[in-house]
Amino acid sequence: MSVQEEPSPAVSAHPEEIKSVFDLRLGKHVVLQGSARITPAGVISAGIAVAVMTLALGYLASSGRRRRQ
């Protein structure tokens, strides 16, 4: 059995870390709470991933149109 300790909230893992906390309420009985953190390198990596997926989907859509003609 292992015990994992969470890092203290006062000390961030990265000096430029971006943090976000949100509460989402759906109706009277459902409340979702969440938090996220990301570094600037993570933002750039996510942007590159979205760009590559967009290019790939565009290629697949255009090749599908060519087959129909």
Protein backbone atom coordinates (compact mmCIF):
# COMPACT_ATOMS: atom_id res chain seq x y z
CA MET A 1 0.00 0.00 0.00
CA SER A 2 1.43 3.36 -0.98
CA VAL A 3 0.52 6.79 0.27
CA GLN A 4 0.71 9.66 -2.17
CA GLU A 5 1.06 13.16 -0.87
CA GLU A 6 -0.22 16.08 -2.90
CA PRO A 7 2.13 19.04 -3.27
CA SER A 8 1.20 22.03 -1.19
CA PRO A 9 -0.95 24.57 -3.07
CA ALA A 10 1.44 27.39 -2.19
CA VAL A 11 4.29 25.85 -4.22
CA SER A 12 3.67 25.51 -7.95
CA ALA A 13 5.46 22.89 -10.01
CA HIS A 14 6.31 25.42 -12.71
CA PRO A 15 6.87 29.18 -12.26
CA GLU A 16 4.65 30.09 -15.25
CA GLU A 17 1.88 27.62 -14.53
CA ILE A 18 -1.66 28.73 -15.44
CA LYS A 19 -4.38 27.54 -13.05
CA SER A 20 -8.15 27.54 -13.37
CA VAL A 21 -10.94 26.45 -11.03
CA PHE A 22 -14.57 26.20 -12.11
CA ASP A 23 -18.00 25.23 -10.79
CA LEU A 24 -20.65 23.99 -13.20
CA ARG A 25 -24.23 23.82 -11.97
CA LEU A 26 -26.76 21.73 -13.91
CA GLY A 27 -30.23 22.18 -12.52
CA LYS A 28 -30.93 22.10 -8.80
CA HIS A 29 -29.16 18.90 -7.83
CA VAL A 30 -26.05 18.50 -9.98
CA VAL A 31 -22.93 20.54 -9.28
CA LEU A 32 -19.60 19.73 -10.89
CA GLN A 33 -16.37 21.23 -9.63
CA GLY A 34 -13.09 21.04 -11.45
CA SER A 35 -9.66 22.51 -11.75
CA ALA A 36 -6.99 22.55 -14.41
CA ARG A 37 -3.43 23.68 -14.75
CA ILE A 38 -1.23 24.05 -17.78
CA THR A 39 2.13 25.55 -18.68
CA PRO A 40 2.82 27.77 -21.70
CA ALA A 41 4.56 24.81 -23.38
CA GLY A 42 1.35 22.81 -22.90
CA VAL A 43 -0.68 25.55 -24.58
CA ILE A 44 1.68 25.52 -27.58
CA SER A 45 1.59 21.70 -27.75
CA ALA A 46 -2.22 21.69 -27.67
CA GLY A 47 -2.30 24.29 -30.46
CA ILE A 48 0.03 22.22 -32.63
CA ALA A 49 -2.06 19.09 -32.02
CA VAL A 50 -5.27 20.88 -33.01
CA ALA A 51 -3.61 22.28 -36.15
CA VAL A 52 -2.34 18.85 -37.23
CA MET A 53 -5.74 17.24 -36.66
CA THR A 54 -7.46 20.01 -38.62
CA LEU A 55 -5.08 19.54 -41.55
CA ALA A 56 -5.58 15.77 -41.49
CA LEU A 57 -9.38 16.08 -41.42
CA GLY A 58 -9.25 18.59 -44.28
CA TYR A 59 -7.16 16.18 -46.33
CA LEU A 60 -9.56 13.31 -45.64
CA ALA A 61 -12.58 15.45 -46.54
CA SER A 62 -11.03 16.59 -49.82
CA SER A 63 -9.98 13.05 -50.78
CA GLY A 64 -13.52 11.83 -50.08
CA ARG A 65 -14.92 14.45 -52.45
CA ARG A 66 -12.49 13.40 -55.20
CA ARG A 67 -13.58 9.76 -54.97
CA ARG A 68 -17.23 10.68 -55.50
CA GLN A 69 -16.55 12.57 -58.72
